[in-house]
């Protein structure tokens, strides 16, 4: 004899297919989220470029003229190392 399934459990078998309206709604919401993420990334890129050029002006203003190339070189190396670190971190994390 087989025991009846305990109450509150799902019957065995493949899950039911989602309704077409639900899948369209989910795809539309995922497109909206992706679009907002793209807009935010563009704004962050713009702000990063503005910060980059502001730091350049600050170096020219605060550092003595003879040391500006040295300060710029240190800043450029910091940006390069930071960028490489972030790219490697993203690559290790994977999709």
PDB file of N, CA and C in Angstrom:
ATOM      1  N   UNK A   1       0.824  -1.175   0.000  1.00  0.00           N
ATOM      2  CA  UNK A   1       0.000   0.000   0.000  1.00  0.00           C
ATOM      3  C   UNK A   1       0.869   1.241   0.000  1.00  0.00           C
ATOM      4  N   UNK A   2       0.339   2.235  -0.619  1.00  0.00           N
ATOM      5  CA  UNK A   2       1.092   3.486  -0.654  1.00  0.00           C
ATOM      6  C   UNK A   2       0.460   4.471   0.311  1.00  0.00           C
ATOM      7  N   UNK A   3       1.304   5.199   0.950  1.00  0.00           N
ATOM      8  CA  UNK A   3       0.817   6.224   1.874  1.00  0.00           C
ATOM      9  C   UNK A   3       0.433   7.465   1.075  1.00  0.00           C
ATOM     10  N   UNK A   4      -0.609   8.156   1.449  1.00  0.00           N
ATOM     11  CA  UNK A   4      -0.950   9.404   0.767  1.00  0.00           C
ATOM     12  C   UNK A   4       0.104  10.466   1.080  1.00  0.00           C
ATOM     13  N   UNK A   5       0.250  11.404   0.150  1.00  0.00           N
ATOM     14  CA  UNK A   5       1.236  12.475   0.342  1.00  0.00           C
ATOM     15  C   UNK A   5       0.829  13.337   1.525  1.00  0.00           C
ATOM     16  N   UNK A   6       1.787  13.729   2.359  1.00  0.00           N
ATOM     17  CA  UNK A   6       1.457  14.582   3.503  1.00  0.00           C
ATOM     18  C   UNK A   6       0.865  15.901   3.006  1.00  0.00           C
ATOM     19  N   UNK A   7      -0.010  16.451   3.804  1.00  0.00           N
ATOM     20  CA  UNK A   7      -0.639  17.711   3.387  1.00  0.00           C
ATOM     21  C   UNK A   7       0.405  18.821   3.330  1.00  0.00           C
ATOM     22  N   UNK A   8       0.218  19.743   2.371  1.00  0.00           N
ATOM     23  CA  UNK A   8       1.148  20.864   2.235  1.00  0.00           C
ATOM     24  C   UNK A   8       2.308  20.592   1.308  1.00  0.00           C
ATOM     25  N   UNK A   9       2.408  19.418   0.716  1.00  0.00           N
ATOM     26  CA  UNK A   9       3.502  19.138  -0.199  1.00  0.00           C
ATOM     27  C   UNK A   9       2.980  19.187  -1.622  1.00  0.00           C
ATOM     28  N   UNK A  10       3.855  19.526  -2.512  1.00  0.00           N
ATOM     29  CA  UNK A  10       3.513  19.605  -3.926  1.00  0.00           C
ATOM     30  C   UNK A  10       3.514  18.208  -4.535  1.00  0.00           C
ATOM     31  N   UNK A  11       2.647  17.959  -5.492  1.00  0.00           N
ATOM     32  CA  UNK A  11       2.684  16.661  -6.165  1.00  0.00           C
ATOM     33  C   UNK A  11       3.924  16.561  -7.044  1.00  0.00           C
ATOM     34  N   UNK A  12       4.352  15.342  -7.300  1.00  0.00           N
ATOM     35  CA  UNK A  12       5.516  15.133  -8.133  1.00  0.00           C
ATOM     36  C   UNK A  12       5.185  15.459  -9.577  1.00  0.00           C
ATOM     37  N   UNK A  13       6.200  15.864 -10.334  1.00  0.00           N
ATOM     38  CA  UNK A  13       5.996  16.139 -11.751  1.00  0.00           C
ATOM     39  C   UNK A  13       6.640  17.460 -12.120  1.00  0.00           C
ATOM     40  N   UNK A  14       6.651  17.779 -13.396  1.00  0.00           N
ATOM     41  CA  UNK A  14       7.279  19.027 -13.825  1.00  0.00           C
ATOM     42  C   UNK A  14       6.455  20.221 -13.360  1.00  0.00           C
ATOM     43  N   UNK A  15       7.134  21.348 -13.089  1.00  0.00           N
ATOM     44  CA  UNK A  15       6.408  22.543 -12.662  1.00  0.00           C
ATOM     45  C   UNK A  15       5.556  23.072 -13.815  1.00  0.00           C
ATOM     46  N   UNK A  16       4.507  23.743 -13.466  1.00  0.00           N
ATOM     47  CA  UNK A  16       3.625  24.277 -14.505  1.00  0.00           C
ATOM     48  C   UNK A  16       4.314  25.431 -15.229  1.00  0.00           C
ATOM     49  N   UNK A  17       4.007  25.578 -16.497  1.00  0.00           N
ATOM     50  CA  UNK A  17       4.621  26.637 -17.305  1.00  0.00           C
ATOM     51  C   UNK A  17       4.033  27.982 -16.897  1.00  0.00           C
ATOM     52  N   UNK A  18       4.877  29.049 -16.905  1.00  0.00           N
ATOM     53  CA  UNK A  18       4.363  30.364 -16.531  1.00  0.00           C
ATOM     54  C   UNK A  18       3.382  30.865 -17.591  1.00  0.00           C
ATOM     55  N   UNK A  19       2.466  31.672 -17.148  1.00  0.00           N
ATOM     56  CA  UNK A  19       1.511  32.248 -18.072  1.00  0.00           C
ATOM     57  C   UNK A  19       2.218  33.264 -18.971  1.00  0.00           C
ATOM     58  N   UNK A  20       1.759  33.443 -20.217  1.00  0.00           N
ATOM     59  CA  UNK A  20       2.407  34.406 -21.117  1.00  0.00           C
ATOM     60  C   UNK A  20       2.384  35.829 -20.572  1.00  0.00           C
ATOM     61  N   UNK A  21       1.309  36.212 -19.876  1.00  0.00           N
ATOM     62  CA  UNK A  21       1.235  37.568 -19.333  1.00  0.00           C
ATOM     63  C   UNK A  21       2.307  37.789 -18.274  1.00  0.00           C
ATOM     64  N   UNK A  22       2.533  36.765 -17.444  1.00  0.00           N
ATOM     65  CA  UNK A  22       3.532  36.883 -16.382  1.00  0.00           C
ATOM     66  C   UNK A  22       4.935  36.959 -16.956  1.00  0.00           C
ATOM     67  N   UNK A  23       5.222  36.167 -17.981  1.00  0.00           N
ATOM     68  CA  UNK A  23       6.571  36.194 -18.548  1.00  0.00           C
ATOM     69  C   UNK A  23       6.826  37.526 -19.243  1.00  0.00           C
ATOM     70  N   UNK A  24       5.808  38.099 -19.902  1.00  0.00           N
ATOM     71  CA  UNK A  24       5.992  39.421 -20.526  1.00  0.00           C
ATOM     72  C   UNK A  24       6.221  40.483 -19.472  1.00  0.00           C
ATOM     73  N   UNK A  25       5.491  40.401 -18.381  1.00  0.00           N
ATOM     74  CA  UNK A  25       5.644  41.374 -17.309  1.00  0.00           C
ATOM     75  C   UNK A  25       7.034  41.276 -16.696  1.00  0.00           C
ATOM     76  N   UNK A  26       7.505  40.038 -16.488  1.00  0.00           N
ATOM     77  CA  UNK A  26       8.842  39.848 -15.924  1.00  0.00           C
ATOM     78  C   UNK A  26       9.918  40.331 -16.885  1.00  0.00           C
ATOM     79  N   UNK A  27       9.746  40.079 -18.190  1.00  0.00           N
ATOM     80  CA  UNK A  27      10.752  40.532 -19.140  1.00  0.00           C
ATOM     81  C   UNK A  27      10.744  42.042 -19.253  1.00  0.00           C
ATOM     82  N   UNK A  28       9.574  42.669 -19.165  1.00  0.00           N
ATOM     83  CA  UNK A  28       9.493  44.122 -19.210  1.00  0.00           C
ATOM     84  C   UNK A  28      10.155  44.729 -17.987  1.00  0.00           C
ATOM     85  N   UNK A  29       9.919  44.144 -16.821  1.00  0.00           N
ATOM     86  CA  UNK A  29      10.538  44.673 -15.606  1.00  0.00           C
ATOM     87  C   UNK A  29      12.048  44.478 -15.633  1.00  0.00           C
ATOM     88  N   UNK A  30      12.506  43.360 -16.198  1.00  0.00           N
ATOM     89  CA  UNK A  30      13.958  43.161 -16.282  1.00  0.00           C
ATOM     90  C   UNK A  30      14.577  44.146 -17.274  1.00  0.00           C
ATOM     91  N   UNK A  31      13.857  44.488 -18.342  1.00  0.00           N
ATOM     92  CA  UNK A  31      14.354  45.497 -19.279  1.00  0.00           C
ATOM     93  C   UNK A  31      14.418  46.875 -18.631  1.00  0.00           C
ATOM     94  N   UNK A  32      13.433  47.210 -17.827  1.00  0.00           N
ATOM     95  CA  UNK A  32      13.435  48.496 -17.131  1.00  0.00           C
ATOM     96  C   UNK A  32      14.604  48.567 -16.157  1.00  0.00           C
ATOM     97  N   UNK A  33      14.823  47.484 -15.426  1.00  0.00           N
ATOM     98  CA  UNK A  33      15.942  47.448 -14.472  1.00  0.00           C
ATOM     99  C   UNK A  33      17.271  47.565 -15.211  1.00  0.00           C
ATOM    100  N   UNK A  34      17.405  46.860 -16.336  1.00  0.00           N
ATOM    101  CA  UNK A  34      18.643  46.938 -17.116  1.00  0.00           C
ATOM    102  C   UNK A  34      18.837  48.351 -17.679  1.00  0.00           C
ATOM    103  N   UNK A  35      17.767  48.982 -18.124  1.00  0.00           N
ATOM    104  CA  UNK A  35      17.866  50.351 -18.633  1.00  0.00           C
ATOM    105  C   UNK A  35      18.278  51.331 -17.551  1.00  0.00           C
ATOM    106  N   UNK A  36      17.690  51.196 -16.370  1.00  0.00           N
ATOM    107  CA  UNK A  36      18.068  52.066 -15.259  1.00  0.00           C
ATOM    108  C   UNK A  36      19.524  51.839 -14.849  1.00  0.00           C
ATOM    109  N   UNK A  37      19.949  50.579 -14.848  1.00  0.00           N
ATOM    110  CA  UNK A  37      21.345  50.287 -14.518  1.00  0.00           C
ATOM    111  C   UNK A  37      22.281  50.908 -15.552  1.00  0.00           C
ATOM    112  N   UNK A  38      21.879  50.871 -16.833  1.00  0.00           N
ATOM    113  CA  UNK A  38      22.700  51.496 -17.878  1.00  0.00           C
ATOM    114  C   UNK A  38      22.797  52.996 -17.702  1.00  0.00           C
ATOM    115  N   UNK A  39      21.689  53.642 -17.371  1.00  0.00           N
ATOM    116  CA  UNK A  39      21.701  55.092 -17.151  1.00  0.00           C
ATOM    117  C   UNK A  39      22.579  55.435 -15.959  1.00  0.00           C
ATOM    118  N   UNK A  40      22.466  54.659 -14.897  1.00  0.00           N
ATOM    119  CA  UNK A  40      23.290  54.913 -13.712  1.00  0.00           C
ATOM    120  C   UNK A  40      24.768  54.717 -14.036  1.00  0.00           C
ATOM    121  N   UNK A  41      25.095  53.695 -14.825  1.00  0.00           N
ATOM    122  CA  UNK A  41      26.499  53.480 -15.211  1.00  0.00           C
ATOM    123  C   UNK A  41      27.037  54.647 -16.032  1.00  0.00           C
ATOM    124  N   UNK A  42      26.232  55.189 -16.927  1.00  0.00           N
ATOM    125  CA  UNK A  42      26.669  56.348 -17.717  1.00  0.00           C
ATOM    126  C   UNK A  42      26.913  57.548 -16.804  1.00  0.00           C
ATOM    127  N   UNK A  43      26.011  57.772 -15.841  1.00  0.00           N
ATOM    128  CA  UNK A  43      26.201  58.880 -14.901  1.00  0.00           C
ATOM    129  C   UNK A  43      27.447  58.679 -14.043  1.00  0.00           C
ATOM    130  N   UNK A  44      27.685  57.451 -13.614  1.00  0.00           N
ATOM    131  CA  UNK A  44      28.884  57.173 -12.817  1.00  0.00           C
ATOM    132  C   UNK A  44      30.143  57.400 -13.657  1.00  0.00           C
ATOM    133  N   UNK A  45      30.123  56.985 -14.914  1.00  0.00           N
ATOM    134  CA  UNK A  45      31.269  57.216 -15.791  1.00  0.00           C
ATOM    135  C   UNK A  45      31.529  58.704 -15.973  1.00  0.00           C
ATOM    136  N   UNK A  46      30.473  59.471 -16.185  1.00  0.00           N
ATOM    137  CA  UNK A  46      30.618  60.920 -16.338  1.00  0.00           C
ATOM    138  C   UNK A  46      31.191  61.546 -15.064  1.00  0.00           C
ATOM    139  N   UNK A  47      30.669  61.139 -13.900  1.00  0.00           N
ATOM    140  CA  UNK A  47      31.174  61.674 -12.628  1.00  0.00           C
ATOM    141  C   UNK A  47      32.622  61.270 -12.396  1.00  0.00           C
ATOM    142  N   UNK A  48      32.985  60.064 -12.805  1.00  0.00           N
ATOM    143  CA  UNK A  48      34.373  59.613 -12.657  1.00  0.00           C
ATOM    144  C   UNK A  48      35.320  60.450 -13.515  1.00  0.00           C
ATOM    145  N   UNK A  49      34.913  60.727 -14.744  1.00  0.00           N
ATOM    146  CA  UNK A  49      35.746  61.574 -15.605  1.00  0.00           C
ATOM    147  C   UNK A  49      35.874  62.980 -15.034  1.00  0.00           C
ATOM    148  N   UNK A  50      34.784  63.530 -14.521  1.00  0.00           N
ATOM    149  CA  UNK A  50      34.845  64.855 -13.912  1.00  0.00           C
ATOM    150  C   UNK A  50      35.785  64.855 -12.707  1.00  0.00           C
ATOM    151  N   UNK A  51      35.716  63.826 -11.882  1.00  0.00           N
ATOM    152  CA  UNK A  51      36.608  63.722 -10.725  1.00  0.00           C
ATOM    153  C   UNK A  51      38.062  63.606 -11.176  1.00  0.00           C
ATOM    154  N   UNK A  52      38.291  62.834 -12.224  1.00  0.00           N
ATOM    155  CA  UNK A  52      39.648  62.658 -12.748  1.00  0.00           C
ATOM    156  C   UNK A  52      40.247  64.007 -13.142  1.00  0.00           C
ATOM    157  N   UNK A  53      39.477  64.803 -13.887  1.00  0.00           N
ATOM    158  CA  UNK A  53      39.995  66.102 -14.323  1.00  0.00           C
ATOM    159  C   UNK A  53      40.068  67.100 -13.165  1.00  0.00           C
ATOM    160  N   UNK A  54      39.197  66.983 -12.186  1.00  0.00           N
ATOM    161  CA  UNK A  54      39.274  67.848 -11.017  1.00  0.00           C
ATOM    162  C   UNK A  54      40.532  67.555 -10.201  1.00  0.00           C
ATOM    163  N   UNK A  55      40.899  66.288 -10.108  1.00  0.00           N
ATOM    164  CA  UNK A  55      42.136  65.939  -9.397  1.00  0.00           C
ATOM    165  C   UNK A  55      43.340  66.508 -10.140  1.00  0.00           C
ATOM    166  N   UNK A  56      43.314  66.469 -11.466  1.00  0.00           N
ATOM    167  CA  UNK A  56      44.403  67.049 -12.248  1.00  0.00           C
ATOM    168  C   UNK A  56      44.551  68.548 -11.959  1.00  0.00           C
ATOM    169  N   UNK A  57      43.435  69.267 -11.911  1.00  0.00           N
ATOM    170  CA  UNK A  57      43.485  70.699 -11.604  1.00  0.00           C
ATOM    171  C   UNK A  57      43.958  70.937 -10.179  1.00  0.00           C
ATOM    172  N   UNK A  58      43.532  70.082  -9.264  1.00  0.00           N
ATOM    173  CA  UNK A  58      43.953  70.224  -7.873  1.00  0.00           C
ATOM    174  C   UNK A  58      45.452  70.000  -7.736  1.00  0.00           C
ATOM    175  N   UNK A  59      45.987  69.041  -8.460  1.00  0.00           N
ATOM    176  CA  UNK A  59      47.440  68.799  -8.417  1.00  0.00           C
ATOM    177  C   UNK A  59      48.174  70.029  -8.936  1.00  0.00           C
ATOM    178  N   UNK A  60      47.696  70.604 -10.045  1.00  0.00           N
ATOM    179  CA  UNK A  60      48.355  71.804 -10.576  1.00  0.00           C
ATOM    180  C   UNK A  60      48.263  72.983  -9.615  1.00  0.00           C
ATOM    181  N   UNK A  61      47.195  73.038  -8.831  1.00  0.00           N
ATOM    182  CA  UNK A  61      46.998  74.159  -7.913  1.00  0.00           C
ATOM    183  C   UNK A  61      47.803  73.993  -6.629  1.00  0.00           C
ATOM    184  N   UNK A  62      47.831  72.788  -6.049  1.00  0.00           N
ATOM    185  CA  UNK A  62      48.413  72.588  -4.730  1.00  0.00           C
ATOM    186  C   UNK A  62      49.880  72.160  -4.742  1.00  0.00           C
ATOM    187  N   UNK A  63      50.345  71.601  -5.853  1.00  0.00           N
ATOM    188  CA  UNK A  63      51.718  71.092  -5.900  1.00  0.00           C
ATOM    189  C   UNK A  63      52.602  72.111  -6.607  1.00  0.00           C
ATOM    190  N   UNK A  64      53.820  72.257  -6.104  1.00  0.00           N
ATOM    191  CA  UNK A  64      54.765  73.188  -6.723  1.00  0.00           C
ATOM    192  C   UNK A  64      55.004  72.782  -8.177  1.00  0.00           C
ATOM    193  N   UNK A  65      55.246  73.769  -9.027  1.00  0.00           N
ATOM    194  CA  UNK A  65      55.362  73.555 -10.475  1.00  0.00           C
ATOM    195  C   UNK A  65      56.407  72.490 -10.833  1.00  0.00           C
ATOM    196  N   UNK A  66      57.495  72.454 -10.107  1.00  0.00           N
ATOM    197  CA  UNK A  66      58.530  71.480 -10.438  1.00  0.00           C
ATOM    198  C   UNK A  66      58.119  70.041 -10.090  1.00  0.00           C
ATOM    199  N   UNK A  67      57.160  69.866  -9.193  1.00  0.00           N
ATOM    200  CA  UNK A  67      56.740  68.531  -8.774  1.00  0.00           C
ATOM    201  C   UNK A  67      55.433  68.065  -9.424  1.00  0.00           C
ATOM    202  N   UNK A  68      54.843  68.883 -10.283  1.00  0.00           N
ATOM    203  CA  UNK A  68      53.582  68.516 -10.920  1.00  0.00           C
ATOM    204  C   UNK A  68      53.724  67.234 -11.742  1.00  0.00           C
ATOM    205  N   UNK A  69      54.788  67.070 -12.567  1.00  0.00           N
ATOM    206  CA  UNK A  69      54.898  65.808 -13.320  1.00  0.00           C
ATOM    207  C   UNK A  69      55.003  64.574 -12.411  1.00  0.00           C
ATOM    208  N   UNK A  70      55.710  64.704 -11.309  1.00  0.00           N
ATOM    209  CA  UNK A  70      55.843  63.592 -10.370  1.00  0.00           C
ATOM    210  C   UNK A  70      54.491  63.267  -9.727  1.00  0.00           C
ATOM    211  N   UNK A  71      53.760  64.278  -9.304  1.00  0.00           N
ATOM    212  CA  UNK A  71      52.445  64.057  -8.690  1.00  0.00           C
ATOM    213  C   UNK A  71      51.472  63.469  -9.719  1.00  0.00           C
ATOM    214  N   UNK A  72      51.520  63.971 -10.966  1.00  0.00           N
ATOM    215  CA  UNK A  72      50.663  63.416 -12.012  1.00  0.00           C
ATOM    216  C   UNK A  72      51.004  61.952 -12.273  1.00  0.00           C
ATOM    217  N   UNK A  73      52.288  61.634 -12.327  1.00  0.00           N
ATOM    218  CA  UNK A  73      52.709  60.247 -12.538  1.00  0.00           C
ATOM    219  C   UNK A  73      52.221  59.335 -11.431  1.00  0.00           C
ATOM    220  N   UNK A  74      52.310  59.797 -10.181  1.00  0.00           N
ATOM    221  CA  UNK A  74      51.826  58.994  -9.049  1.00  0.00           C
ATOM    222  C   UNK A  74      50.309  58.798  -9.149  1.00  0.00           C
ATOM    223  N   UNK A  75      49.611  59.854  -9.520  1.00  0.00           N
ATOM    224  CA  UNK A  75      48.156  59.747  -9.662  1.00  0.00           C
ATOM    225  C   UNK A  75      47.796  58.787 -10.789  1.00  0.00           C
ATOM    226  N   UNK A  76      48.499  58.877 -11.924  1.00  0.00           N
ATOM    227  CA  UNK A  76      48.216  57.983 -13.048  1.00  0.00           C
ATOM    228  C   UNK A  76      48.482  56.526 -12.680  1.00  0.00           C
ATOM    229  N   UNK A  77      49.566  56.284 -11.959  1.00  0.00           N
ATOM    230  CA  UNK A  77      49.858  54.913 -11.518  1.00  0.00           C
ATOM    231  C   UNK A  77      48.778  54.397 -10.572  1.00  0.00           C
ATOM    232  N   UNK A  78      48.307  55.258  -9.685  1.00  0.00           N
ATOM    233  CA  UNK A  78      47.232  54.869  -8.774  1.00  0.00           C
ATOM    234  C   UNK A  78      45.972  54.517  -9.552  1.00  0.00           C
ATOM    235  N   UNK A  79      45.644  55.298 -10.569  1.00  0.00           N
ATOM    236  CA  UNK A  79      44.460  55.022 -11.387  1.00  0.00           C
ATOM    237  C   UNK A  79      44.640  53.701 -12.146  1.00  0.00           C
ATOM    238  N   UNK A  80      45.818  53.473 -12.715  1.00  0.00           N
ATOM    239  CA  UNK A  80      46.072  52.243 -13.472  1.00  0.00           C
ATOM    240  C   UNK A  80      45.978  51.020 -12.559  1.00  0.00           C
ATOM    241  N   UNK A  81      46.638  51.075 -11.399  1.00  0.00           N
ATOM    242  CA  UNK A  81      46.599  49.935 -10.484  1.00  0.00           C
ATOM    243  C   UNK A  81      45.177  49.687  -9.975  1.00  0.00           C
ATOM    244  N   UNK A  82      44.455  50.742  -9.664  1.00  0.00           N
ATOM    245  CA  UNK A  82      43.072  50.589  -9.227  1.00  0.00           C
ATOM    246  C   UNK A  82      42.200  49.975 -10.311  1.00  0.00           C
ATOM    247  N   UNK A  83      42.380  50.420 -11.553  1.00  0.00           N
ATOM    248  CA  UNK A  83      41.605  49.869 -12.663  1.00  0.00           C
ATOM    249  C   UNK A  83      41.925  48.411 -12.916  1.00  0.00           C
ATOM    250  N   UNK A  84      43.196  48.055 -12.893  1.00  0.00           N
ATOM    251  CA  UNK A  84      43.588  46.656 -13.105  1.00  0.00           C
ATOM    252  C   UNK A  84      43.057  45.782 -11.977  1.00  0.00           C
ATOM    253  N   UNK A  85      43.136  46.290 -10.742  1.00  0.00           N
ATOM    254  CA  UNK A  85      42.609  45.532  -9.605  1.00  0.00           C
ATOM    255  C   UNK A  85      41.113  45.264  -9.763  1.00  0.00           C
ATOM    256  N   UNK A  86      40.348  46.290 -10.152  1.00  0.00           N
ATOM    257  CA  UNK A  86      38.907  46.118 -10.312  1.00  0.00           C
ATOM    258  C   UNK A  86      38.570  45.169 -11.458  1.00  0.00           C
ATOM    259  N   UNK A  87      39.294  45.266 -12.569  1.00  0.00           N
ATOM    260  CA  UNK A  87      39.027  44.375 -13.698  1.00  0.00           C
ATOM    261  C   UNK A  87      39.339  42.930 -13.321  1.00  0.00           C
ATOM    262  N   UNK A  88      40.470  42.699 -12.665  1.00  0.00           N
ATOM    263  CA  UNK A  88      40.807  41.338 -12.246  1.00  0.00           C
ATOM    264  C   UNK A  88      39.792  40.790 -11.250  1.00  0.00           C
ATOM    265  N   UNK A  89      39.323  41.646 -10.360  1.00  0.00           N
ATOM    266  CA  UNK A  89      38.322  41.214  -9.391  1.00  0.00           C
ATOM    267  C   UNK A  89      37.016  40.822 -10.090  1.00  0.00           C
ATOM    268  N   UNK A  90      36.621  41.591 -11.088  1.00  0.00           N
ATOM    269  CA  UNK A  90      35.412  41.260 -11.834  1.00  0.00           C
ATOM    270  C   UNK A  90      35.583  39.974 -12.645  1.00  0.00           C
ATOM    271  N   UNK A  91      36.769  39.778 -13.218  1.00  0.00           N
ATOM    272  CA  UNK A  91      37.005  38.574 -14.007  1.00  0.00           C
ATOM    273  C   UNK A  91      37.020  37.336 -13.142  1.00  0.00           C
ATOM    274  N   UNK A  92      37.553  37.440 -11.934  1.00  0.00           N
ATOM    275  CA  UNK A  92      37.594  36.286 -11.041  1.00  0.00           C
ATOM    276  C   UNK A  92      36.206  35.919 -10.551  1.00  0.00           C
ATOM    277  N   UNK A  93      35.346  36.927 -10.388  1.00  0.00           N
ATOM    278  CA  UNK A  93      34.001  36.676  -9.906  1.00  0.00           C
ATOM    279  C   UNK A  93      33.180  35.914 -10.934  1.00  0.00           C
ATOM    280  N   UNK A  94      33.415  36.154 -12.195  1.00  0.00           N
ATOM    281  CA  UNK A  94      32.732  35.412 -13.245  1.00  0.00           C
ATOM    282  C   UNK A  94      31.340  35.938 -13.508  1.00  0.00           C
ATOM    283  N   UNK A  95      30.669  35.298 -14.467  1.00  0.00           N
ATOM    284  CA  UNK A  95      29.327  35.756 -14.840  1.00  0.00           C
ATOM    285  C   UNK A  95      28.268  35.462 -13.807  1.00  0.00           C
TER     286      UNK A  95
END
